[in-house]
Amino acid sequence: FLYGSGQSAEFRAGFYGLAGWHREGHLLRALFEGVMFEHRRHIDVLKDAGVSFDKAVLSGGGSRSEHWPQIFADGLGVPITVPEARETGALGAAIGAGVGAGLFADYESGVDAMTRPRAAYRPDPAMQRHYARRYRAYCGLADTLRSFWTEQAAGPGRAAE
């Protein structure tokens, strides 16, 4: 994670297990994986609440990467679609306006009419197993560091809550 996400506002990002042989590409991949793992934590909360999750759409800057969508597919264990549209926020607003104006019966028909996939990614079973192990380690590390970051946030002369 980069900004603590749902963990805690006090949490900070870090590279754990970094060794001298790691290079720039390893660090970039670690960033991609950390963001994906935080999304997975959010999705786990939704699943625990009974929400079905069997596919996802990845948009924005990261979706233009050749690697990030596959990391999401493998790490989340669901097919990932990358839309053709680059400005999906604006497109979503236009679809909402179309629903409100009666141009579309509902959001689903608006999405069907106005979006096209650019690429699709399927989970690789071997990588799913790899990321399942890494995700358990990620969650364990976050839990272990919780008290450390809480104490750091308390600062000098202030008691940690």
Foldseek 3Di string as FASTA:
>chain_A
DDQCQPLDNLDHDDDPPDDPPDDPVNVVVVVLLVVLLSVLVVVVVVVVVVDDDAEEEDAEDVLVDPPSLQSNQLQNVHKYFYWPDRCVVVLQVVLVVCCVVVVDVDSVRSCVVPIDTPDMYHHDVVSNVVNVVVSVVVVVVSVVCSVVSQCVVLDPPGDRD
